Amino acid sequence: MDTKFDEILDFPCDFGFRIMGLAQADLPDVVNVVFEQHIPGDYKQLPKVRVSSSGKYHSISYTVRVVSKDQIELLYKELAALDIVRYVL
């Protein structure tokens, strides 16, 4: 992944992630494991879990304190690799 985050962001900074995955109760827990592994304590899950109109998917948003472009790219890669996750925005 070759992004231009380093050209448009001043690090460290807060960065938003939206994760869309299957409508399973453990989606936040599975995602939290990845954040806890890479940035323990420097993330906050926004309180509302959004449900798709079909009810098949859930969307959760996070604010994360990141320190580099590489860290953002790693988080995108790790989150997208989760079986339960469909999209990372």
N, C-alpha and C. Protein backbone atom coordinates (compact mmCIF):
# COMPACT_ATOMS: atom_id res chain seq x y z
N MET A 1 0.86 -1.16 0.00
CA MET A 1 0.00 0.00 0.00
C MET A 1 0.90 1.23 0.00
N ASP A 2 0.70 2.07 -0.97
CA ASP A 2 1.50 3.29 -1.04
C ASP A 2 0.58 4.50 -1.03
N THR A 3 0.41 5.07 0.15
CA THR A 3 -0.49 6.21 0.32
C THR A 3 0.32 7.49 0.45
N LYS A 4 -0.38 8.60 0.52
CA LYS A 4 0.27 9.90 0.68
C LYS A 4 -0.07 10.52 2.03
N PHE A 5 -0.36 9.67 3.01
CA PHE A 5 -0.71 10.18 4.33
C PHE A 5 0.39 11.07 4.90
N ASP A 6 1.64 10.72 4.63
CA ASP A 6 2.74 11.51 5.17
C ASP A 6 2.82 12.90 4.55
N GLU A 7 2.20 13.09 3.38
CA GLU A 7 2.21 14.39 2.73
C GLU A 7 1.07 15.29 3.19
N ILE A 8 0.00 14.70 3.71
CA ILE A 8 -1.16 15.50 4.08
C ILE A 8 -1.44 15.57 5.58
N LEU A 9 -0.75 14.75 6.36
CA LEU A 9 -0.96 14.75 7.81
C LEU A 9 0.31 15.14 8.55
N ASP A 10 0.13 15.81 9.68
CA ASP A 10 1.25 16.10 10.58
C ASP A 10 1.15 15.13 11.74
N PHE A 11 2.16 14.28 11.89
CA PHE A 11 2.15 13.25 12.92
C PHE A 11 2.82 13.74 14.18
N PRO A 12 2.38 13.27 15.33
CA PRO A 12 1.24 12.40 15.60
C PRO A 12 -0.07 13.17 15.43
N CYS A 13 -1.14 12.44 15.13
CA CYS A 13 -2.45 13.06 14.94
C CYS A 13 -3.55 12.03 15.19
N ASP A 14 -4.76 12.55 15.35
CA ASP A 14 -5.93 11.68 15.47
C ASP A 14 -6.39 11.33 14.07
N PHE A 15 -6.77 10.07 13.88
CA PHE A 15 -7.15 9.58 12.56
C PHE A 15 -8.41 8.72 12.74
N GLY A 16 -9.35 8.87 11.84
CA GLY A 16 -10.61 8.13 11.94
C GLY A 16 -10.62 6.88 11.07
N PHE A 17 -11.13 5.82 11.63
CA PHE A 17 -11.35 4.58 10.90
C PHE A 17 -12.82 4.22 11.00
N ARG A 18 -13.41 3.75 9.91
CA ARG A 18 -14.75 3.15 9.96
C ARG A 18 -14.60 1.73 9.45
N ILE A 19 -15.06 0.81 10.26
CA ILE A 19 -14.95 -0.60 9.93
C ILE A 19 -16.35 -1.15 9.72
N MET A 20 -16.56 -1.77 8.56
CA MET A 20 -17.83 -2.40 8.26
C MET A 20 -17.61 -3.91 8.19
N GLY A 21 -18.45 -4.63 8.91
CA GLY A 21 -18.30 -6.07 8.96
C GLY A 21 -19.63 -6.77 9.13
N LEU A 22 -19.56 -8.07 9.22
CA LEU A 22 -20.76 -8.87 9.41
C LEU A 22 -21.44 -8.50 10.72
N ALA A 23 -22.74 -8.57 10.73
CA ALA A 23 -23.54 -8.20 11.90
C ALA A 23 -23.42 -9.28 12.97
N GLN A 24 -22.29 -9.28 13.63
CA GLN A 24 -22.05 -10.21 14.73
C GLN A 24 -21.69 -9.41 15.97
N ALA A 25 -22.16 -9.87 17.10
CA ALA A 25 -21.95 -9.14 18.35
C ALA A 25 -20.48 -8.95 18.69
N ASP A 26 -19.62 -9.85 18.21
CA ASP A 26 -18.20 -9.77 18.57
C ASP A 26 -17.37 -8.89 17.62
N LEU A 27 -17.99 -8.21 16.65
CA LEU A 27 -17.23 -7.36 15.73
C LEU A 27 -16.38 -6.33 16.47
N PRO A 28 -16.94 -5.55 17.41
CA PRO A 28 -16.08 -4.59 18.13
C PRO A 28 -14.94 -5.26 18.89
N ASP A 29 -15.18 -6.41 19.48
CA ASP A 29 -14.14 -7.11 20.23
C ASP A 29 -13.00 -7.55 19.32
N VAL A 30 -13.35 -8.08 18.15
CA VAL A 30 -12.35 -8.55 17.20
C VAL A 30 -11.50 -7.38 16.70
N VAL A 31 -12.14 -6.26 16.41
CA VAL A 31 -11.43 -5.07 15.93
C VAL A 31 -10.56 -4.48 17.05
N ASN A 32 -11.10 -4.46 18.26
CA ASN A 32 -10.33 -3.92 19.40
C ASN A 32 -9.03 -4.68 19.63
N VAL A 33 -9.03 -5.97 19.37
CA VAL A 33 -7.81 -6.77 19.54
C VAL A 33 -6.69 -6.23 18.63
N VAL A 34 -7.03 -5.88 17.40
CA VAL A 34 -6.03 -5.35 16.47
C VAL A 34 -5.51 -4.01 16.97
N PHE A 35 -6.41 -3.11 17.36
CA PHE A 35 -5.97 -1.81 17.87
C PHE A 35 -5.14 -1.97 19.13
N GLU A 36 -5.56 -2.83 20.02
CA GLU A 36 -4.83 -3.04 21.28
C GLU A 36 -3.44 -3.61 21.02
N GLN A 37 -3.33 -4.41 20.00
CA GLN A 37 -2.04 -5.02 19.65
C GLN A 37 -1.05 -3.97 19.12
N HIS A 38 -1.54 -3.01 18.36
CA HIS A 38 -0.65 -2.05 17.69
C HIS A 38 -0.58 -0.68 18.35
N ILE A 39 -1.64 -0.26 19.01
CA ILE A 39 -1.65 1.05 19.66
C ILE A 39 -2.41 0.98 20.98
N PRO A 40 -1.91 0.23 21.95
CA PRO A 40 -2.64 0.04 23.19
C PRO A 40 -3.03 1.36 23.86
N GLY A 41 -4.32 1.52 24.07
CA GLY A 41 -4.82 2.69 24.77
C GLY A 41 -4.94 3.96 23.94
N ASP A 42 -4.43 3.99 22.72
CA ASP A 42 -4.48 5.20 21.91
C ASP A 42 -5.59 5.15 20.86
N TYR A 43 -6.71 4.56 21.22
CA TYR A 43 -7.85 4.50 20.31
C TYR A 43 -9.13 4.62 21.13
N LYS A 44 -10.17 5.10 20.45
CA LYS A 44 -11.46 5.24 21.12
C LYS A 44 -12.54 4.81 20.15
N GLN A 45 -13.36 3.86 20.56
CA GLN A 45 -14.49 3.44 19.75
C GLN A 45 -15.63 4.42 20.00
N LEU A 46 -16.18 4.96 18.92
CA LEU A 46 -17.34 5.83 19.08
C LEU A 46 -18.52 4.97 19.52
N PRO A 47 -19.40 5.52 20.35
CA PRO A 47 -20.37 4.68 21.06
C PRO A 47 -21.41 3.96 20.21
N LYS A 48 -21.74 4.46 19.05
CA LYS A 48 -22.85 3.87 18.30
C LYS A 48 -22.37 2.88 17.26
N VAL A 49 -23.00 1.71 17.22
CA VAL A 49 -22.78 0.74 16.16
C VAL A 49 -23.94 0.91 15.18
N ARG A 50 -23.61 1.23 13.95
CA ARG A 50 -24.66 1.43 12.94
C ARG A 50 -24.99 0.08 12.28
N VAL A 51 -26.27 -0.11 12.02
CA VAL A 51 -26.75 -1.35 11.40
C VAL A 51 -27.21 -1.02 9.98
N SER A 52 -26.82 -1.85 9.02
CA SER A 52 -27.25 -1.63 7.63
C SER A 52 -28.75 -1.83 7.51
N SER A 53 -29.32 -1.31 6.42
CA SER A 53 -30.77 -1.42 6.23
C SER A 53 -31.23 -2.88 6.13
N SER A 54 -30.36 -3.73 5.61
CA SER A 54 -30.71 -5.16 5.51
C SER A 54 -30.47 -5.90 6.83
N GLY A 55 -29.71 -5.26 7.73
CA GLY A 55 -29.38 -5.89 9.00
C GLY A 55 -28.24 -6.89 8.92
N LYS A 56 -27.66 -7.02 7.75
CA LYS A 56 -26.60 -8.00 7.53
C LYS A 56 -25.22 -7.50 7.98
N TYR A 57 -25.05 -6.17 8.04
CA TYR A 57 -23.74 -5.59 8.36
C TYR A 57 -23.84 -4.58 9.49
N HIS A 58 -22.74 -4.44 10.20
CA HIS A 58 -22.58 -3.41 11.23
C HIS A 58 -21.41 -2.52 10.84
N SER A 59 -21.50 -1.26 11.26
CA SER A 59 -20.42 -0.30 11.02
C SER A 59 -20.04 0.33 12.35
N ILE A 60 -18.75 0.34 12.64
CA ILE A 60 -18.26 0.97 13.86
C ILE A 60 -17.16 1.96 13.51
N SER A 61 -17.11 3.06 14.24
CA SER A 61 -16.12 4.10 13.98
C SER A 61 -15.17 4.23 15.16
N TYR A 62 -13.94 4.57 14.84
CA TYR A 62 -12.89 4.73 15.84
C TYR A 62 -12.12 6.01 15.57
N THR A 63 -11.62 6.61 16.63
CA THR A 63 -10.63 7.66 16.54
C THR A 63 -9.35 7.09 17.13
N VAL A 64 -8.27 7.19 16.36
CA VAL A 64 -7.01 6.55 16.73
C VAL A 64 -5.89 7.58 16.71
N ARG A 65 -5.02 7.52 17.68
CA ARG A 65 -3.84 8.39 17.70
C ARG A 65 -2.73 7.66 16.95
N VAL A 66 -2.34 8.18 15.79
CA VAL A 66 -1.32 7.54 14.96
C VAL A 66 -0.06 8.39 14.93
N VAL A 67 1.07 7.72 14.68
CA VAL A 67 2.35 8.42 14.70
C VAL A 67 3.07 8.40 13.36
N SER A 68 2.56 7.63 12.38
CA SER A 68 3.24 7.57 11.09
C SER A 68 2.33 7.01 10.00
N LYS A 69 2.73 7.26 8.78
CA LYS A 69 2.05 6.69 7.61
C LYS A 69 2.08 5.17 7.67
N ASP A 70 3.23 4.63 8.03
CA ASP A 70 3.38 3.17 8.10
C ASP A 70 2.40 2.56 9.11
N GLN A 71 2.17 3.24 10.20
CA GLN A 71 1.25 2.74 11.21
C GLN A 71 -0.19 2.70 10.65
N ILE A 72 -0.59 3.75 9.94
CA ILE A 72 -1.93 3.77 9.33
C ILE A 72 -2.08 2.63 8.34
N GLU A 73 -1.09 2.46 7.48
CA GLU A 73 -1.14 1.41 6.47
C GLU A 73 -1.18 0.02 7.10
N LEU A 74 -0.42 -0.17 8.18
CA LEU A 74 -0.44 -1.45 8.89
C LEU A 74 -1.81 -1.73 9.48
N LEU A 75 -2.43 -0.71 10.08
CA LEU A 75 -3.75 -0.90 10.66
C LEU A 75 -4.78 -1.24 9.58
N TYR A 76 -4.74 -0.54 8.45
CA TYR A 76 -5.65 -0.88 7.35
C TYR A 76 -5.47 -2.34 6.94
N LYS A 77 -4.24 -2.76 6.79
CA LYS A 77 -3.94 -4.12 6.34
C LYS A 77 -4.43 -5.15 7.36
N GLU A 78 -4.11 -4.93 8.62
CA GLU A 78 -4.49 -5.88 9.68
C GLU A 78 -6.01 -5.97 9.85
N LEU A 79 -6.68 -4.82 9.80
CA LEU A 79 -8.13 -4.82 9.96
C LEU A 79 -8.81 -5.49 8.77
N ALA A 80 -8.35 -5.20 7.57
CA ALA A 80 -8.95 -5.78 6.36
C ALA A 80 -8.75 -7.29 6.31
N ALA A 81 -7.73 -7.80 6.97
CA ALA A 81 -7.45 -9.24 6.96
C ALA A 81 -8.37 -10.04 7.86
N LEU A 82 -9.11 -9.37 8.72
CA LEU A 82 -10.03 -10.08 9.62
C LEU A 82 -11.19 -10.68 8.83
N ASP A 83 -11.52 -11.93 9.09
CA ASP A 83 -12.58 -12.62 8.36
C ASP A 83 -13.94 -11.94 8.48
N ILE A 84 -14.20 -11.36 9.63
CA ILE A 84 -15.50 -10.75 9.92
C ILE A 84 -15.65 -9.37 9.24
N VAL A 85 -14.53 -8.74 8.89
CA VAL A 85 -14.53 -7.38 8.33
C VAL A 85 -14.67 -7.43 6.82
N ARG A 86 -15.52 -6.53 6.30
CA ARG A 86 -15.72 -6.44 4.85
C ARG A 86 -15.04 -5.21 4.25
N TYR A 87 -15.08 -4.06 4.95
CA TYR A 87 -14.48 -2.82 4.45
C TYR A 87 -13.83 -2.06 5.59
N VAL A 88 -12.73 -1.38 5.27
CA VAL A 88 -12.09 -0.47 6.22
C VAL A 88 -11.96 0.86 5.51
N LEU A 89 -12.56 1.88 6.06
CA LEU A 89 -12.51 3.21 5.45
C LEU A 89 -11.82 4.18 6.39
